[in-house]
Protein backbone atom coordinates (compact mmCIF):
# COMPACT_ATOMS: atom_id res chain seq x y z
CA UNK A 1 6.91 -30.89 -78.87
CA UNK A 2 4.57 -31.76 -81.63
CA UNK A 3 3.01 -34.77 -80.35
CA UNK A 4 2.46 -32.66 -77.04
CA UNK A 5 0.40 -29.63 -79.13
CA UNK A 6 -1.63 -32.34 -80.63
CA UNK A 7 -3.04 -33.97 -78.34
CA UNK A 8 -3.39 -30.84 -76.18
CA UNK A 9 -5.34 -29.58 -79.39
CA UNK A 10 -7.52 -32.50 -79.41
CA UNK A 11 -8.04 -32.02 -75.03
CA UNK A 12 -9.06 -28.09 -76.00
CA UNK A 13 -11.30 -29.62 -78.46
CA UNK A 14 -13.53 -31.78 -75.47
CA UNK A 15 -13.15 -29.51 -73.50
CA UNK A 16 -13.10 -26.08 -74.51
CA UNK A 17 -13.13 -24.48 -71.56
CA UNK A 18 -10.33 -25.70 -69.24
CA UNK A 19 -8.13 -23.63 -67.61
CA UNK A 20 -5.01 -25.87 -66.78
CA UNK A 21 -4.92 -27.21 -70.70
CA UNK A 22 -4.41 -23.61 -71.84
CA UNK A 23 -1.70 -23.52 -69.49
CA UNK A 24 -0.17 -26.28 -70.36
CA UNK A 25 -0.20 -25.07 -74.25
CA UNK A 26 0.38 -21.82 -73.02
CA UNK A 27 4.21 -23.01 -71.58
CA UNK A 28 4.99 -25.88 -74.46
CA UNK A 29 4.49 -22.15 -76.57
CA UNK A 30 7.16 -20.51 -74.70
CA UNK A 31 9.30 -22.95 -75.16
CA UNK A 32 9.41 -22.60 -78.52
CA UNK A 33 9.54 -18.62 -78.20
CA UNK A 34 5.62 -18.56 -80.42
CA UNK A 35 4.25 -15.42 -77.71
CA UNK A 36 1.71 -14.63 -79.45
CA UNK A 37 0.32 -17.87 -78.98
CA UNK A 38 1.77 -17.59 -74.85
CA UNK A 39 -0.08 -14.28 -74.66
CA UNK A 40 -4.14 -15.49 -75.37
CA UNK A 41 -3.23 -19.38 -74.07
CA UNK A 42 -2.18 -17.61 -70.61
CA UNK A 43 -5.25 -14.97 -71.04
CA UNK A 44 -7.31 -17.70 -72.09
CA UNK A 45 -6.16 -19.95 -68.88
CA UNK A 46 -6.76 -16.96 -66.41
CA UNK A 47 -10.12 -15.55 -67.82
CA UNK A 48 -11.08 -19.88 -67.57
CA UNK A 49 -10.12 -19.89 -64.07
CA UNK A 50 -6.57 -20.91 -63.83
CA UNK A 51 -5.30 -20.48 -60.27
CA UNK A 52 -2.60 -16.73 -60.79
CA UNK A 53 0.85 -17.53 -60.14
CA UNK A 54 3.35 -14.48 -60.01
CA UNK A 55 5.12 -17.36 -62.56
CA UNK A 56 2.61 -17.15 -64.96
CA UNK A 57 2.43 -13.26 -64.75
CA UNK A 58 5.76 -13.57 -65.13
CA UNK A 59 6.26 -15.58 -67.84
CA UNK A 60 3.26 -13.51 -69.84
CA UNK A 61 5.26 -10.04 -68.79
CA UNK A 62 7.91 -12.21 -70.60
CA UNK A 63 5.75 -12.48 -73.50
CA UNK A 64 4.32 -9.37 -74.07
CA UNK A 65 8.23 -7.73 -73.38
CA UNK A 66 8.77 -9.77 -76.94
CA UNK A 67 6.02 -8.74 -78.90
CA UNK A 68 6.56 -5.29 -77.67
CA UNK A 69 3.74 -4.99 -76.40
CA UNK A 70 5.26 -2.62 -73.48
CA UNK A 71 1.58 -1.73 -72.19
CA UNK A 72 0.73 -5.49 -71.77
CA UNK A 73 4.16 -6.04 -70.26
CA UNK A 74 3.30 -3.70 -67.58
CA UNK A 75 0.04 -4.70 -66.30
CA UNK A 76 1.33 -8.94 -66.41
CA UNK A 77 4.47 -7.54 -64.12
CA UNK A 78 2.62 -5.64 -61.69
CA UNK A 79 -0.05 -8.51 -61.16
CA UNK A 80 3.29 -10.12 -60.65
CA UNK A 81 3.54 -7.54 -57.23
CA UNK A 82 0.52 -7.88 -56.38
CA UNK A 83 1.74 -11.64 -55.41
CA UNK A 84 5.00 -11.44 -54.28
CA UNK A 85 5.47 -7.60 -53.58
CA UNK A 86 9.61 -8.05 -53.46
CA UNK A 87 10.20 -9.63 -57.11
CA UNK A 88 12.74 -7.34 -58.19
CA UNK A 89 13.04 -8.99 -61.81
CA UNK A 90 9.36 -7.86 -62.02
CA UNK A 91 9.89 -3.85 -60.77
CA UNK A 92 13.61 -4.06 -63.40
CA UNK A 93 10.95 -5.37 -66.06
CA UNK A 94 8.62 -2.64 -66.00
CA UNK A 95 11.55 -0.11 -65.66
CA UNK A 96 12.52 -1.25 -68.93
CA UNK A 97 9.16 -1.33 -70.43
CA UNK A 98 8.43 2.37 -69.29
CA UNK A 99 11.31 3.11 -70.83
CA UNK A 100 10.39 1.73 -74.13
CA UNK A 101 7.61 3.56 -73.97
CA UNK A 102 9.49 6.83 -73.51
CA UNK A 103 9.00 7.50 -70.02
CA UNK A 104 11.91 8.10 -67.83
CA UNK A 105 11.04 8.72 -65.09
CA UNK A 106 8.83 6.13 -63.86
CA UNK A 107 11.24 3.43 -66.14
CA UNK A 108 13.99 4.89 -63.09
CA UNK A 109 11.09 5.04 -60.16
CA UNK A 110 11.15 1.05 -61.17
CA UNK A 111 14.54 0.53 -61.64
CA UNK A 112 15.65 2.20 -57.53
CA UNK A 113 12.72 0.06 -56.18
CA UNK A 114 14.14 -3.20 -58.22
CA UNK A 115 17.56 -1.62 -57.08
CA UNK A 116 16.52 -1.76 -53.11
CA UNK A 117 14.55 -5.09 -53.54
CA UNK A 118 18.32 -6.43 -55.09
CA UNK A 119 20.81 -4.89 -52.08
CA UNK A 120 18.35 -6.23 -49.26
CA UNK A 121 18.92 -9.76 -50.88
CA UNK A 122 22.63 -8.87 -50.93
CA UNK A 123 23.04 -10.43 -47.16
CA UNK A 124 20.66 -13.47 -48.03
CA UNK A 125 21.88 -14.80 -50.95
CA UNK A 126 25.43 -15.12 -53.41
CA UNK A 127 25.17 -12.25 -55.54
CA UNK A 128 26.44 -14.52 -58.37
CA UNK A 129 22.91 -15.61 -59.44
CA UNK A 130 21.12 -12.16 -61.43
CA UNK A 131 22.18 -9.33 -62.49
CA UNK A 132 20.47 -6.05 -63.03
CA UNK A 133 22.28 -3.43 -65.70
CA UNK A 134 20.70 -0.63 -64.17
CA UNK A 135 22.54 2.07 -65.70
CA UNK A 136 21.34 -0.12 -69.52
CA UNK A 137 18.37 2.75 -68.98
CA UNK A 138 20.70 6.04 -68.66
CA UNK A 139 20.66 6.51 -72.49
CA UNK A 140 17.23 6.14 -73.31
CA UNK A 141 16.11 8.81 -70.39
CA UNK A 142 13.44 10.95 -72.36
CA UNK A 143 11.64 13.41 -69.44
CA UNK A 144 11.89 16.70 -70.83
CA UNK A 145 14.64 18.60 -68.06
CA UNK A 146 14.78 16.66 -65.09
CA UNK A 147 15.45 18.07 -61.32
CA UNK A 148 18.59 17.61 -60.02
CA UNK A 149 17.57 15.53 -57.28
CA UNK A 150 16.55 13.21 -60.49
CA UNK A 151 20.08 12.83 -61.73
CA UNK A 152 21.97 12.41 -58.31
CA UNK A 153 19.66 9.45 -57.97
CA UNK A 154 20.22 8.17 -61.69
CA UNK A 155 24.18 9.33 -61.17
CA UNK A 156 24.19 6.97 -57.89
CA UNK A 157 22.45 4.87 -59.13
CA UNK A 158 24.43 3.87 -61.69
CA UNK A 159 27.79 4.27 -59.88
CA UNK A 160 26.59 1.78 -56.87
CA UNK A 161 25.04 -0.58 -59.32
CA UNK A 162 28.70 -0.52 -61.22
CA UNK A 163 29.73 -4.16 -60.32
CA UNK A 164 25.77 -5.61 -60.32
CA UNK A 165 26.33 -5.79 -64.24
CA UNK A 166 25.87 -9.13 -66.10
CA UNK A 167 27.58 -8.74 -69.67
CA UNK A 168 27.55 -11.17 -72.07
CA UNK A 169 30.48 -12.10 -74.06
CA UNK A 170 31.18 -9.13 -76.29
CA UNK A 171 30.82 -6.86 -72.56
CA UNK A 172 27.56 -6.06 -73.75
CA UNK A 173 24.96 -4.86 -70.04
CA UNK A 174 22.02 -7.25 -69.84
CA UNK A 175 18.68 -7.12 -68.10
CA UNK A 176 17.41 -11.15 -66.85
CA UNK A 177 15.35 -12.51 -69.60
CA UNK A 178 16.18 -12.47 -73.18
CA UNK A 179 16.31 -8.55 -72.96
CA UNK A 180 20.14 -7.05 -74.28
CA UNK A 181 20.53 -3.38 -74.47
CA UNK A 182 23.04 -1.55 -75.49
CA UNK A 183 25.92 0.56 -73.36
CA UNK A 184 26.41 3.77 -72.81
CA UNK A 185 26.85 6.24 -69.43
CA UNK A 186 27.91 10.10 -69.16
CA UNK A 187 25.19 13.12 -68.25
CA UNK A 188 24.64 15.16 -70.49
CA UNK A 189 23.23 17.94 -67.98
CA UNK A 190 20.15 20.38 -68.40
CA UNK A 191 18.63 18.11 -71.15
CA UNK A 192 17.16 15.30 -69.00
CA UNK A 193 18.88 12.86 -70.93
CA UNK A 194 21.22 10.86 -68.88
């Protein structure tokens, strides 16, 4: 990896506006979890004309999530959806980002969209691949008093998706990727907090 980074740095000295070199270097930084550099290099690659692809924006969104740059992650995942409108993990990650920003209503909107795509895909593929931990947003829902219909939708989504959780060895619910969320439950009626 060190040699590859060195070679790419030399290539950037010779070709400072080569989008593919920035993209390749960003991929290496992603592998070694240097997300600040991933974000910088992927943005440069896009600025210099690399062909936009869903996976590039998805990885950029993941890097931004890992950095705590939730607004930028939302923008990146929205680009994924423009390219691939059925990318359920992008919808789920947008929901996670909104949850982190404290916008429970928007979070639920995107979790529900992701759930709809997940349910559509169950007929075409085995349920064993990636599962989404839907109730993970429940304790973080922070909108002011939520309408009863919204509470019903959220409670229903959590109930219907009990079997679609992916767990780590300790029983913690996980979202696709590396984002671990606490396990909670229950509804506090009238507070807007689930």
